[in-house]
Amino acid sequence: MKAYARIATLLVALGLALPALAMNLNEAMGALSGAKASGQLGEMPSGYLGVVSPGGQAEEIARLINQARRAEYQRLAKENGIQLGDVEAIAGQKALDKTPSGQYIQLNGKWVRK
């Protein structure tokens, strides 16, 4: 019975700890420049981040920031009466243009250093 109690306690503790390990949008925004500088993430013409080199929290950073970008793009499209795809394309071109030398961008479906 003691072993069962220990396992149950461990599972409860683990269950409480996992949400604390999850990244939020503010943390993702703070980690973005490092992930881009290290070559894990890059900008795509679609207006979203892409994973260049998986590892660490790259996927989670991209997911959270892309989710926020999509919401903002949808708001802008609705506010201006234009298609979401048009907003994404404009944002994507701006992101590619603003990307510093040495970081990754996607051109013709391939990752290249700018």
PDB file of N, CA and C in Angstrom:
ATOM      1  N   MET A   1       0.808  -1.192   0.000  1.00  0.00           N
ATOM      2  CA  MET A   1       0.000   0.000   0.000  1.00  0.00           C
ATOM      3  C   MET A   1       0.856   1.262   0.000  1.00  0.00           C
ATOM      4  N   LYS A   2       2.020   1.201   0.670  1.00  0.00           N
ATOM      5  CA  LYS A   2       2.902   2.361   0.713  1.00  0.00           C
ATOM      6  C   LYS A   2       3.417   2.702  -0.683  1.00  0.00           C
ATOM      7  N   ALA A   3       3.721   1.674  -1.461  1.00  0.00           N
ATOM      8  CA  ALA A   3       4.208   1.908  -2.822  1.00  0.00           C
ATOM      9  C   ALA A   3       3.130   2.600  -3.664  1.00  0.00           C
ATOM     10  N   TYR A   4       1.896   2.183  -3.499  1.00  0.00           N
ATOM     11  CA  TYR A   4       0.790   2.805  -4.224  1.00  0.00           C
ATOM     12  C   TYR A   4       0.657   4.275  -3.837  1.00  0.00           C
ATOM     13  N   ALA A   5       0.765   4.579  -2.569  1.00  0.00           N
ATOM     14  CA  ALA A   5       0.661   5.958  -2.086  1.00  0.00           C
ATOM     15  C   ALA A   5       1.800   6.810  -2.640  1.00  0.00           C
ATOM     16  N   ARG A   6       2.991   6.260  -2.697  1.00  0.00           N
ATOM     17  CA  ARG A   6       4.141   6.997  -3.235  1.00  0.00           C
ATOM     18  C   ARG A   6       3.950   7.286  -4.727  1.00  0.00           C
ATOM     19  N   ILE A   7       3.489   6.288  -5.448  1.00  0.00           N
ATOM     20  CA  ILE A   7       3.255   6.476  -6.880  1.00  0.00           C
ATOM     21  C   ILE A   7       2.155   7.517  -7.102  1.00  0.00           C
ATOM     22  N   ALA A   8       1.093   7.430  -6.335  1.00  0.00           N
ATOM     23  CA  ALA A   8      -0.001   8.398  -6.462  1.00  0.00           C
ATOM     24  C   ALA A   8       0.491   9.806  -6.158  1.00  0.00           C
ATOM     25  N   THR A   9       1.302   9.956  -5.131  1.00  0.00           N
ATOM     26  CA  THR A   9       1.853  11.263  -4.770  1.00  0.00           C
ATOM     27  C   THR A   9       2.745  11.789  -5.886  1.00  0.00           C
ATOM     28  N   LEU A  10       3.557  10.919  -6.437  1.00  0.00           N
ATOM     29  CA  LEU A  10       4.439  11.302  -7.532  1.00  0.00           C
ATOM     30  C   LEU A  10       3.639  11.747  -8.754  1.00  0.00           C
ATOM     31  N   LEU A  11       2.590  11.027  -9.079  1.00  0.00           N
ATOM     32  CA  LEU A  11       1.756  11.387 -10.228  1.00  0.00           C
ATOM     33  C   LEU A  11       1.055  12.726 -10.012  1.00  0.00           C
ATOM     34  N   VAL A  12       0.575  12.974  -8.819  1.00  0.00           N
ATOM     35  CA  VAL A  12      -0.068  14.255  -8.511  1.00  0.00           C
ATOM     36  C   VAL A  12       0.950  15.382  -8.628  1.00  0.00           C
ATOM     37  N   ALA A  13       2.130  15.182  -8.079  1.00  0.00           N
ATOM     38  CA  ALA A  13       3.178  16.205  -8.159  1.00  0.00           C
ATOM     39  C   ALA A  13       3.567  16.483  -9.606  1.00  0.00           C
ATOM     40  N   LEU A  14       3.700  15.437 -10.389  1.00  0.00           N
ATOM     41  CA  LEU A  14       4.040  15.595 -11.798  1.00  0.00           C
ATOM     42  C   LEU A  14       2.933  16.329 -12.539  1.00  0.00           C
ATOM     43  N   GLY A  15       1.702  15.984 -12.239  1.00  0.00           N
ATOM     44  CA  GLY A  15       0.564  16.651 -12.868  1.00  0.00           C
ATOM     45  C   GLY A  15       0.502  18.130 -12.547  1.00  0.00           C
ATOM     46  N   LEU A  16       0.912  18.492 -11.366  1.00  0.00           N
ATOM     47  CA  LEU A  16       0.934  19.904 -10.982  1.00  0.00           C
ATOM     48  C   LEU A  16       2.124  20.637 -11.589  1.00  0.00           C
ATOM     49  N   ALA A  17       3.214  19.936 -11.812  1.00  0.00           N
ATOM     50  CA  ALA A  17       4.423  20.564 -12.328  1.00  0.00           C
ATOM     51  C   ALA A  17       4.365  20.799 -13.834  1.00  0.00           C
ATOM     52  N   LEU A  18       3.696  19.939 -14.589  1.00  0.00           N
ATOM     53  CA  LEU A  18       3.691  20.057 -16.048  1.00  0.00           C
ATOM     54  C   LEU A  18       3.151  21.393 -16.558  1.00  0.00           C
ATOM     55  N   PRO A  19       2.040  21.920 -16.031  1.00  0.00           N
ATOM     56  CA  PRO A  19       1.603  23.215 -16.524  1.00  0.00           C
ATOM     57  C   PRO A  19       2.633  24.320 -16.294  1.00  0.00           C
ATOM     58  N   ALA A  20       3.412  24.197 -15.244  1.00  0.00           N
ATOM     59  CA  ALA A  20       4.444  25.195 -14.980  1.00  0.00           C
ATOM     60  C   ALA A  20       5.547  25.138 -16.027  1.00  0.00           C
ATOM     61  N   LEU A  21       5.729  23.986 -16.665  1.00  0.00           N
ATOM     62  CA  LEU A  21       6.751  23.845 -17.692  1.00  0.00           C
ATOM     63  C   LEU A  21       6.292  24.381 -19.047  1.00  0.00           C
ATOM     64  N   ALA A  22       5.001  24.529 -19.232  1.00  0.00           N
ATOM     65  CA  ALA A  22       4.467  25.006 -20.502  1.00  0.00           C
ATOM     66  C   ALA A  22       4.852  26.472 -20.712  1.00  0.00           C
ATOM     67  N   MET A  23       5.178  26.798 -21.944  1.00  0.00           N
ATOM     68  CA  MET A  23       5.577  28.154 -22.295  1.00  0.00           C
ATOM     69  C   MET A  23       4.335  28.978 -22.617  1.00  0.00           C
ATOM     70  N   ASN A  24       4.344  30.260 -22.249  1.00  0.00           N
ATOM     71  CA  ASN A  24       3.247  31.136 -22.634  1.00  0.00           C
ATOM     72  C   ASN A  24       3.742  32.086 -23.732  1.00  0.00           C
ATOM     73  N   LEU A  25       2.838  32.885 -24.263  1.00  0.00           N
ATOM     74  CA  LEU A  25       3.181  33.755 -25.386  1.00  0.00           C
ATOM     75  C   LEU A  25       4.273  34.753 -25.018  1.00  0.00           C
ATOM     76  N   ASN A  26       4.215  35.331 -23.830  1.00  0.00           N
ATOM     77  CA  ASN A  26       5.245  36.295 -23.425  1.00  0.00           C
ATOM     78  C   ASN A  26       6.620  35.642 -23.379  1.00  0.00           C
ATOM     79  N   GLU A  27       6.681  34.437 -22.869  1.00  0.00           N
ATOM     80  CA  GLU A  27       7.956  33.714 -22.821  1.00  0.00           C
ATOM     81  C   GLU A  27       8.432  33.380 -24.231  1.00  0.00           C
ATOM     82  N   ALA A  28       7.506  33.016 -25.100  1.00  0.00           N
ATOM     83  CA  ALA A  28       7.854  32.704 -26.485  1.00  0.00           C
ATOM     84  C   ALA A  28       8.406  33.944 -27.190  1.00  0.00           C
ATOM     85  N   MET A  29       7.774  35.081 -26.950  1.00  0.00           N
ATOM     86  CA  MET A  29       8.245  36.331 -27.557  1.00  0.00           C
ATOM     87  C   MET A  29       9.655  36.653 -27.070  1.00  0.00           C
ATOM     88  N   GLY A  30       9.895  36.411 -25.786  1.00  0.00           N
ATOM     89  CA  GLY A  30      11.217  36.663 -25.238  1.00  0.00           C
ATOM     90  C   GLY A  30      12.278  35.723 -25.782  1.00  0.00           C
ATOM     91  N   ALA A  31      11.886  34.520 -26.132  1.00  0.00           N
ATOM     92  CA  ALA A  31      12.833  33.517 -26.635  1.00  0.00           C
ATOM     93  C   ALA A  31      13.009  33.580 -28.148  1.00  0.00           C
ATOM     94  N   LEU A  32      12.165  34.339 -28.836  1.00  0.00           N
ATOM     95  CA  LEU A  32      12.169  34.345 -30.300  1.00  0.00           C
ATOM     96  C   LEU A  32      13.495  34.800 -30.890  1.00  0.00           C
ATOM     97  N   SER A  33      14.031  35.911 -30.438  1.00  0.00           N
ATOM     98  CA  SER A  33      15.261  36.425 -31.053  1.00  0.00           C
ATOM     99  C   SER A  33      16.411  35.431 -30.905  1.00  0.00           C
ATOM    100  N   GLY A  34      16.502  34.778 -29.756  1.00  0.00           N
ATOM    101  CA  GLY A  34      17.550  33.775 -29.563  1.00  0.00           C
ATOM    102  C   GLY A  34      17.370  32.574 -30.467  1.00  0.00           C
ATOM    103  N   ALA A  35      16.123  32.142 -30.626  1.00  0.00           N
ATOM    104  CA  ALA A  35      15.844  30.990 -31.488  1.00  0.00           C
ATOM    105  C   ALA A  35      16.134  31.313 -32.950  1.00  0.00           C
ATOM    106  N   LYS A  36      15.865  32.548 -33.348  1.00  0.00           N
ATOM    107  CA  LYS A  36      16.166  32.947 -34.726  1.00  0.00           C
ATOM    108  C   LYS A  36      17.672  33.103 -34.925  1.00  0.00           C
ATOM    109  N   ALA A  37      18.337  33.710 -33.952  1.00  0.00           N
ATOM    110  CA  ALA A  37      19.785  33.927 -34.051  1.00  0.00           C
ATOM    111  C   ALA A  37      20.551  32.608 -34.060  1.00  0.00           C
ATOM    112  N   SER A  38      20.034  31.606 -33.352  1.00  0.00           N
ATOM    113  CA  SER A  38      20.709  30.304 -33.305  1.00  0.00           C
ATOM    114  C   SER A  38      20.363  29.415 -34.490  1.00  0.00           C
ATOM    115  N   GLY A  39      19.481  29.886 -35.366  1.00  0.00           N
ATOM    116  CA  GLY A  39      19.142  29.127 -36.566  1.00  0.00           C
ATOM    117  C   GLY A  39      18.062  28.089 -36.374  1.00  0.00           C
ATOM    118  N   GLN A  40      17.341  28.142 -35.259  1.00  0.00           N
ATOM    119  CA  GLN A  40      16.260  27.187 -35.048  1.00  0.00           C
ATOM    120  C   GLN A  40      14.987  27.598 -35.765  1.00  0.00           C
ATOM    121  N   LEU A  41      14.729  28.903 -35.843  1.00  0.00           N
ATOM    122  CA  LEU A  41      13.506  29.413 -36.464  1.00  0.00           C
ATOM    123  C   LEU A  41      13.847  30.402 -37.559  1.00  0.00           C
ATOM    124  N   GLY A  42      12.959  30.502 -38.534  1.00  0.00           N
ATOM    125  CA  GLY A  42      13.126  31.464 -39.602  1.00  0.00           C
ATOM    126  C   GLY A  42      11.779  31.986 -40.060  1.00  0.00           C
ATOM    127  N   GLU A  43      11.832  33.047 -40.837  1.00  0.00           N
ATOM    128  CA  GLU A  43      10.610  33.672 -41.367  1.00  0.00           C
ATOM    129  C   GLU A  43      10.254  33.062 -42.716  1.00  0.00           C
ATOM    130  N   MET A  44       8.953  32.901 -42.933  1.00  0.00           N
ATOM    131  CA  MET A  44       8.459  32.338 -44.191  1.00  0.00           C
ATOM    132  C   MET A  44       7.645  33.397 -44.939  1.00  0.00           C
ATOM    133  N   PRO A  45       7.551  33.290 -46.257  1.00  0.00           N
ATOM    134  CA  PRO A  45       6.767  34.240 -47.044  1.00  0.00           C
ATOM    135  C   PRO A  45       5.287  34.253 -46.668  1.00  0.00           C
ATOM    136  N   SER A  46       4.841  33.217 -45.982  1.00  0.00           N
ATOM    137  CA  SER A  46       3.440  33.126 -45.580  1.00  0.00           C
ATOM    138  C   SER A  46       3.100  34.046 -44.409  1.00  0.00           C
ATOM    139  N   GLY A  47       4.127  34.684 -43.828  1.00  0.00           N
ATOM    140  CA  GLY A  47       3.891  35.552 -42.685  1.00  0.00           C
ATOM    141  C   GLY A  47       4.024  34.838 -41.354  1.00  0.00           C
ATOM    142  N   TYR A  48       4.438  33.595 -41.389  1.00  0.00           N
ATOM    143  CA  TYR A  48       4.556  32.806 -40.169  1.00  0.00           C
ATOM    144  C   TYR A  48       5.996  32.338 -39.981  1.00  0.00           C
ATOM    145  N   LEU A  49       6.283  31.900 -38.761  1.00  0.00           N
ATOM    146  CA  LEU A  49       7.587  31.331 -38.442  1.00  0.00           C
ATOM    147  C   LEU A  49       7.622  29.875 -38.866  1.00  0.00           C
ATOM    148  N   GLY A  50       8.787  29.421 -39.243  1.00  0.00           N
ATOM    149  CA  GLY A  50       8.982  28.019 -39.547  1.00  0.00           C
ATOM    150  C   GLY A  50      10.149  27.481 -38.748  1.00  0.00           C
ATOM    151  N   VAL A  51      10.133  26.189 -38.507  1.00  0.00           N
ATOM    152  CA  VAL A  51      11.214  25.534 -37.775  1.00  0.00           C
ATOM    153  C   VAL A  51      12.286  25.119 -38.780  1.00  0.00           C
ATOM    154  N   VAL A  52      13.451  25.710 -38.638  1.00  0.00           N
ATOM    155  CA  VAL A  52      14.586  25.413 -39.508  1.00  0.00           C
ATOM    156  C   VAL A  52      15.321  24.193 -38.973  1.00  0.00           C
ATOM    157  N   SER A  53      15.581  24.205 -37.681  1.00  0.00           N
ATOM    158  CA  SER A  53      16.335  23.144 -37.018  1.00  0.00           C
ATOM    159  C   SER A  53      15.609  22.773 -35.730  1.00  0.00           C
ATOM    160  N   PRO A  54      14.894  21.658 -35.729  1.00  0.00           N
ATOM    161  CA  PRO A  54      14.132  21.271 -34.541  1.00  0.00           C
ATOM    162  C   PRO A  54      15.038  21.088 -33.324  1.00  0.00           C
ATOM    163  N   GLY A  55      14.476  21.377 -32.194  1.00  0.00           N
ATOM    164  CA  GLY A  55      15.214  21.183 -30.955  1.00  0.00           C
ATOM    165  C   GLY A  55      14.802  22.206 -29.931  1.00  0.00           C
ATOM    166  N   GLY A  56      15.062  21.896 -28.697  1.00  0.00           N
ATOM    167  CA  GLY A  56      14.699  22.811 -27.626  1.00  0.00           C
ATOM    168  C   GLY A  56      13.211  23.091 -27.658  1.00  0.00           C
ATOM    169  N   GLN A  57      12.870  24.348 -27.592  1.00  0.00           N
ATOM    170  CA  GLN A  57      11.462  24.737 -27.591  1.00  0.00           C
ATOM    171  C   GLN A  57      11.063  25.434 -28.891  1.00  0.00           C
ATOM    172  N   ALA A  58      11.818  25.182 -29.951  1.00  0.00           N
ATOM    173  CA  ALA A  58      11.562  25.855 -31.224  1.00  0.00           C
ATOM    174  C   ALA A  58      10.129  25.660 -31.704  1.00  0.00           C
ATOM    175  N   GLU A  59       9.643  24.437 -31.657  1.00  0.00           N
ATOM    176  CA  GLU A  59       8.287  24.163 -32.145  1.00  0.00           C
ATOM    177  C   GLU A  59       7.242  24.909 -31.317  1.00  0.00           C
ATOM    178  N   GLU A  60       7.440  24.944 -30.008  1.00  0.00           N
ATOM    179  CA  GLU A  60       6.486  25.608 -29.124  1.00  0.00           C
ATOM    180  C   GLU A  60       6.514  27.120 -29.330  1.00  0.00           C
ATOM    181  N   ILE A  61       7.699  27.681 -29.496  1.00  0.00           N
ATOM    182  CA  ILE A  61       7.820  29.116 -29.763  1.00  0.00           C
ATOM    183  C   ILE A  61       7.092  29.448 -31.051  1.00  0.00           C
ATOM    184  N   ALA A  62       7.356  28.685 -32.111  1.00  0.00           N
ATOM    185  CA  ALA A  62       6.708  28.931 -33.403  1.00  0.00           C
ATOM    186  C   ALA A  62       5.196  28.780 -33.293  1.00  0.00           C
ATOM    187  N   ARG A  63       4.733  27.754 -32.607  1.00  0.00           N
ATOM    188  CA  ARG A  63       3.297  27.520 -32.486  1.00  0.00           C
ATOM    189  C   ARG A  63       2.600  28.691 -31.790  1.00  0.00           C
ATOM    190  N   LEU A  64       3.153  29.138 -30.683  1.00  0.00           N
ATOM    191  CA  LEU A  64       2.526  30.221 -29.924  1.00  0.00           C
ATOM    192  C   LEU A  64       2.541  31.541 -30.695  1.00  0.00           C
ATOM    193  N   ILE A  65       3.670  31.856 -31.293  1.00  0.00           N
ATOM    194  CA  ILE A  65       3.762  33.121 -32.019  1.00  0.00           C
ATOM    195  C   ILE A  65       2.930  33.072 -33.295  1.00  0.00           C
ATOM    196  N   ASN A  66       2.932  31.952 -33.991  1.00  0.00           N
ATOM    197  CA  ASN A  66       2.107  31.834 -35.194  1.00  0.00           C
ATOM    198  C   ASN A  66       0.619  31.937 -34.860  1.00  0.00           C
ATOM    199  N   GLN A  67       0.236  31.391 -33.738  1.00  0.00           N
ATOM    200  CA  GLN A  67      -1.157  31.486 -33.292  1.00  0.00           C
ATOM    201  C   GLN A  67      -1.533  32.954 -33.068  1.00  0.00           C
ATOM    202  N   ALA A  68      -0.664  33.714 -32.426  1.00  0.00           N
ATOM    203  CA  ALA A  68      -0.920  35.137 -32.187  1.00  0.00           C
ATOM    204  C   ALA A  68      -0.906  35.920 -33.495  1.00  0.00           C
ATOM    205  N   ARG A  69       0.027  35.593 -34.378  1.00  0.00           N
ATOM    206  CA  ARG A  69       0.081  36.276 -35.674  1.00  0.00           C
ATOM    207  C   ARG A  69      -1.198  36.034 -36.458  1.00  0.00           C
ATOM    208  N   ARG A  70      -1.654  34.773 -36.491  1.00  0.00           N
ATOM    209  CA  ARG A  70      -2.876  34.457 -37.237  1.00  0.00           C
ATOM    210  C   ARG A  70      -4.059  35.273 -36.711  1.00  0.00           C
ATOM    211  N   ALA A  71      -4.183  35.369 -35.410  1.00  0.00           N
ATOM    212  CA  ALA A  71      -5.283  36.144 -34.822  1.00  0.00           C
ATOM    213  C   ALA A  71      -5.193  37.608 -35.245  1.00  0.00           C
ATOM    214  N   GLU A  72      -3.988  38.149 -35.243  1.00  0.00           N
ATOM    215  CA  GLU A  72      -3.800  39.544 -35.645  1.00  0.00           C
ATOM    216  C   GLU A  72      -4.066  39.714 -37.139  1.00  0.00           C
ATOM    217  N   TYR A  73      -3.597  38.791 -37.953  1.00  0.00           N
ATOM    218  CA  TYR A  73      -3.845  38.866 -39.396  1.00  0.00           C
ATOM    219  C   TYR A  73      -5.347  38.798 -39.684  1.00  0.00           C
ATOM    220  N   GLN A  74      -6.052  37.926 -38.977  1.00  0.00           N
ATOM    221  CA  GLN A  74      -7.501  37.815 -39.166  1.00  0.00           C
ATOM    222  C   GLN A  74      -8.197  39.120 -38.788  1.00  0.00           C
ATOM    223  N   ARG A  75      -7.749  39.726 -37.694  1.00  0.00           N
ATOM    224  CA  ARG A  75      -8.335  40.994 -37.260  1.00  0.00           C
ATOM    225  C   ARG A  75      -8.105  42.071 -38.319  1.00  0.00           C
ATOM    226  N   LEU A  76      -6.873  42.158 -38.826  1.00  0.00           N
ATOM    227  CA  LEU A  76      -6.556  43.157 -39.843  1.00  0.00           C
ATOM    228  C   LEU A  76      -7.336  42.927 -41.130  1.00  0.00           C
ATOM    229  N   ALA A  77      -7.462  41.678 -41.544  1.00  0.00           N
ATOM    230  CA  ALA A  77      -8.212  41.365 -42.762  1.00  0.00           C
ATOM    231  C   ALA A  77      -9.664  41.789 -42.614  1.00  0.00           C
ATOM    232  N   LYS A  78     -10.269  41.457 -41.489  1.00  0.00           N
ATOM    233  CA  LYS A  78     -11.666  41.818 -41.263  1.00  0.00           C
ATOM    234  C   LYS A  78     -11.832  43.331 -41.183  1.00  0.00           C
ATOM    235  N   GLU A  79     -10.937  43.977 -40.452  1.00  0.00           N
ATOM    236  CA  GLU A  79     -11.003  45.427 -40.267  1.00  0.00           C
ATOM    237  C   GLU A  79     -10.864  46.186 -41.586  1.00  0.00           C
ATOM    238  N   ASN A  80     -10.065  45.640 -42.502  1.00  0.00           N
ATOM    239  CA  ASN A  80      -9.801  46.325 -43.766  1.00  0.00           C
ATOM    240  C   ASN A  80     -10.557  45.742 -44.953  1.00  0.00           C
ATOM    241  N   GLY A  81     -11.375  44.727 -44.708  1.00  0.00           N
ATOM    242  CA  GLY A  81     -12.174  44.139 -45.770  1.00  0.00           C
ATOM    243  C   GLY A  81     -11.357  43.472 -46.852  1.00  0.00           C
ATOM    244  N   ILE A  82     -10.264  42.812 -46.458  1.00  0.00           N
ATOM    245  CA  ILE A  82      -9.431  42.121 -47.430  1.00  0.00           C
ATOM    246  C   ILE A  82      -9.271  40.655 -47.020  1.00  0.00           C
ATOM    247  N   GLN A  83      -8.743  39.865 -47.923  1.00  0.00           N
ATOM    248  CA  GLN A  83      -8.570  38.436 -47.674  1.00  0.00           C
ATOM    249  C   GLN A  83      -7.417  38.187 -46.702  1.00  0.00           C
ATOM    250  N   LEU A  84      -7.571  37.163 -45.889  1.00  0.00           N
ATOM    251  CA  LEU A  84      -6.529  36.766 -44.947  1.00  0.00           C
ATOM    252  C   LEU A  84      -5.222  36.487 -45.677  1.00  0.00           C
ATOM    253  N   GLY A  85      -5.288  35.815 -46.802  1.00  0.00           N
ATOM    254  CA  GLY A  85      -4.090  35.498 -47.581  1.00  0.00           C
ATOM    255  C   GLY A  85      -3.313  36.733 -48.011  1.00  0.00           C
ATOM    256  N   ASP A  86      -4.033  37.827 -48.292  1.00  0.00           N
ATOM    257  CA  ASP A  86      -3.362  39.069 -48.673  1.00  0.00           C
ATOM    258  C   ASP A  86      -2.599  39.656 -47.485  1.00  0.00           C
ATOM    259  N   VAL A  87      -3.212  39.628 -46.324  1.00  0.00           N
ATOM    260  CA  VAL A  87      -2.545  40.128 -45.117  1.00  0.00           C
ATOM    261  C   VAL A  87      -1.317  39.271 -44.820  1.00  0.00           C
ATOM    262  N   GLU A  88      -1.465  37.954 -44.920  1.00  0.00           N
ATOM    263  CA  GLU A  88      -0.342  37.050 -44.656  1.00  0.00           C
ATOM    264  C   GLU A  88       0.814  37.329 -45.625  1.00  0.00           C
ATOM    265  N   ALA A  89       0.500  37.538 -46.896  1.00  0.00           N
ATOM    266  CA  ALA A  89       1.546  37.779 -47.901  1.00  0.00           C
ATOM    267  C   ALA A  89       2.280  39.091 -47.630  1.00  0.00           C
ATOM    268  N   ILE A  90       1.536  40.133 -47.275  1.00  0.00           N
ATOM    269  CA  ILE A  90       2.157  41.428 -46.969  1.00  0.00           C
ATOM    270  C   ILE A  90       3.042  41.308 -45.732  1.00  0.00           C
ATOM    271  N   ALA A  91       2.507  40.668 -44.696  1.00  0.00           N
ATOM    272  CA  ALA A  91       3.276  40.485 -43.459  1.00  0.00           C
ATOM    273  C   ALA A  91       4.506  39.621 -43.714  1.00  0.00           C
ATOM    274  N   GLY A  92       4.356  38.604 -44.528  1.00  0.00           N
ATOM    275  CA  GLY A  92       5.476  37.728 -44.844  1.00  0.00           C
ATOM    276  C   GLY A  92       6.596  38.469 -45.546  1.00  0.00           C
ATOM    277  N   GLN A  93       6.238  39.305 -46.507  1.00  0.00           N
ATOM    278  CA  GLN A  93       7.263  40.065 -47.233  1.00  0.00           C
ATOM    279  C   GLN A  93       7.966  41.044 -46.291  1.00  0.00           C
ATOM    280  N   LYS A  94       7.195  41.691 -45.420  1.00  0.00           N
ATOM    281  CA  LYS A  94       7.801  42.609 -44.449  1.00  0.00           C
ATOM    282  C   LYS A  94       8.752  41.866 -43.520  1.00  0.00           C
ATOM    283  N   ALA A  95       8.344  40.679 -43.067  1.00  0.00           N
ATOM    284  CA  ALA A  95       9.187  39.893 -42.166  1.00  0.00           C
ATOM    285  C   ALA A  95      10.478  39.467 -42.863  1.00  0.00           C
ATOM    286  N   LEU A  96      10.372  39.048 -44.125  1.00  0.00           N
ATOM    287  CA  LEU A  96      11.564  38.661 -44.874  1.00  0.00           C
ATOM    288  C   LEU A  96      12.501  39.852 -45.049  1.00  0.00           C
ATOM    289  N   ASP A  97      11.928  41.004 -45.376  1.00  0.00           N
ATOM    290  CA  ASP A  97      12.736  42.209 -45.574  1.00  0.00           C
ATOM    291  C   ASP A  97      13.441  42.646 -44.297  1.00  0.00           C
ATOM    292  N   LYS A  98      12.773  42.483 -43.157  1.00  0.00           N
ATOM    293  CA  LYS A  98      13.326  42.940 -41.874  1.00  0.00           C
ATOM    294  C   LYS A  98      14.283  41.941 -41.230  1.00  0.00           C
ATOM    295  N   THR A  99      14.321  40.734 -41.732  1.00  0.00           N
ATOM    296  CA  THR A  99      15.191  39.716 -41.144  1.00  0.00           C
ATOM    297  C   THR A  99      16.655  40.124 -41.314  1.00  0.00           C
ATOM    298  N   PRO A 100      17.401  40.161 -40.211  1.00  0.00           N
ATOM    299  CA  PRO A 100      18.817  40.546 -40.294  1.00  0.00           C
ATOM    300  C   PRO A 100      19.656  39.511 -41.050  1.00  0.00           C
ATOM    301  N   SER A 101      20.759  39.962 -41.591  1.00  0.00           N
ATOM    302  CA  SER A 101      21.700  39.063 -42.254  1.00  0.00           C
ATOM    303  C   SER A 101      22.145  37.983 -41.278  1.00  0.00           C
ATOM    304  N   GLY A 102      22.297  36.782 -41.799  1.00  0.00           N
ATOM    305  CA  GLY A 102      22.746  35.669 -40.983  1.00  0.00           C
ATOM    306  C   GLY A 102      21.615  34.813 -40.442  1.00  0.00           C
ATOM    307  N   GLN A 103      20.398  35.349 -40.443  1.00  0.00           N
ATOM    308  CA  GLN A 103      19.255  34.562 -39.982  1.00  0.00           C
ATOM    309  C   GLN A 103      18.577  33.910 -41.186  1.00  0.00           C
ATOM    310  N   TYR A 104      17.719  32.925 -40.891  1.00  0.00           N
ATOM    311  CA  TYR A 104      17.104  32.132 -41.952  1.00  0.00           C
ATOM    312  C   TYR A 104      15.780  32.713 -42.426  1.00  0.00           C
ATOM    313  N   ILE A 105      15.610  32.622 -43.735  1.00  0.00           N
ATOM    314  CA  ILE A 105      14.330  32.919 -44.375  1.00  0.00           C
ATOM    315  C   ILE A 105      14.047  31.773 -45.343  1.00  0.00           C
ATOM    316  N   GLN A 106      12.798  31.608 -45.669  1.00  0.00           N
ATOM    317  CA  GLN A 106      12.425  30.549 -46.610  1.00  0.00           C
ATOM    318  C   GLN A 106      12.175  31.176 -47.972  1.00  0.00           C
ATOM    319  N   LEU A 107      12.905  30.708 -48.970  1.00  0.00           N
ATOM    320  CA  LEU A 107      12.741  31.161 -50.345  1.00  0.00           C
ATOM    321  C   LEU A 107      12.517  29.948 -51.233  1.00  0.00           C
ATOM    322  N   ASN A 108      11.460  29.987 -52.003  1.00  0.00           N
ATOM    323  CA  ASN A 108      11.123  28.882 -52.899  1.00  0.00           C
ATOM    324  C   ASN A 108      11.106  27.543 -52.167  1.00  0.00           C
ATOM    325  N   GLY A 109      10.587  27.561 -50.946  1.00  0.00           N
ATOM    326  CA  GLY A 109      10.437  26.334 -50.173  1.00  0.00           C
ATOM    327  C   GLY A 109      11.699  25.822 -49.493  1.00  0.00           C
ATOM    328  N   LYS A 110      12.799  26.568 -49.595  1.00  0.00           N
ATOM    329  CA  LYS A 110      14.061  26.136 -48.986  1.00  0.00           C
ATOM    330  C   LYS A 110      14.556  27.191 -48.007  1.00  0.00           C
ATOM    331  N   TRP A 111      15.165  26.713 -46.918  1.00  0.00           N
ATOM    332  CA  TRP A 111      15.728  27.617 -45.925  1.00  0.00           C
ATOM    333  C   TRP A 111      17.095  28.091 -46.396  1.00  0.00           C
ATOM    334  N   VAL A 112      17.295  29.416 -46.378  1.00  0.00           N
ATOM    335  CA  VAL A 112      18.579  30.013 -46.738  1.00  0.00           C
ATOM    336  C   VAL A 112      18.926  31.084 -45.712  1.00  0.00           C
ATOM    337  N   ARG A 113      20.228  31.257 -45.496  1.00  0.00           N
ATOM    338  CA  ARG A 113      20.668  32.355 -44.634  1.00  0.00           C
ATOM    339  C   ARG A 113      20.614  33.641 -45.448  1.00  0.00           C
ATOM    340  N   LYS A 114      20.075  34.646 -44.844  1.00  0.00           N
ATOM    341  CA  LYS A 114      19.965  35.931 -45.534  1.00  0.00           C
ATOM    342  C   LYS A 114      21.312  36.633 -45.521  1.00  0.00           C
TER     343      LYS A 114
END
